Amino acid sequence: MTKTTTNKAVVLLSGGLDSTTTLAIAQNEGFDCFAMTFRYGQRHVHEISCARKIAEKMGVLEHRIVAIDLKALGGSALTDSSLDVPKDRGDMTDIPITYVPARNTIFLSYALAWAEVMGAWDIYIGVNAMDYSGYPDCRPEYIQAFEKMANLATAAAVENRGKYTIHTPIIKLTKAQIIRKGTEIGVDYSLTHSCYDPDETGRPCGHCDSCQLRLKGFAEAGLDDPVKYVP
């Protein structure tokens, strides 16, 4: 069958710093962006409202919030309230209890399905292998393996209508470099949410891995983090 081209891209948007920067990069690269956010039973559900505001402000063509129940499976402090979110960890090279089993594989599979339905060949995900908390599904070799699978597992690819590409524009950047890049292209970081364990009003704790990496990134970038933390 004849191959087709399109400027459509599916962007996984959590409402966090990395995914918002990734969305801005995709738009800056000329793609018409369709954002996908997941309500998966996460304790930091505040990020969903942030994603909604970001999608609206950045003018995505469609924003889908998909409900899936990873809380039923457990195995992570992000989905099991009986497990404590680690705070003030010095060493972030091991895989912490905030790892959600197979999360990026599940998310990318949904994004791939939506891309196939709408005829898009490009998927953006804001994974990062430099300043990250040891998650195995944020590594380049994982993304390469998923992309290969995507082109073996879909009717559109097997029928030679096109080839799927998983874009990871920030995967080799430090958090400071991500923030500088986003600032250059107009990302409003005051809308983003990174904390794993916010208070009831959504204010970030400042002590979980994600907050620590974010604060370190802004400091190294020489910029102030615009969000308000729990005192």
Foldseek 3Di string as FASTA:
>chain_A
DAADAALEEEQEAQQALLSLLQVLVSVVVPHQYEYEYEDAQFPLCVSVVLSVVSCVVVPHPYYYYYYHHLLVVDQAVRRDVVDDFDWQDPDQQAADRRARPCVVVVVVVVRLVVCLVVVHQEYEYRAADPLDRNHPCSDPVNQVVVQVVSLVPDPCNVVPRYGHDYDHPHHHPQLLVSVVSSVVSPRDQQSGAFARNAPPVSAHACTGSRNVSNVVNCVVNVHDRNYHHDD
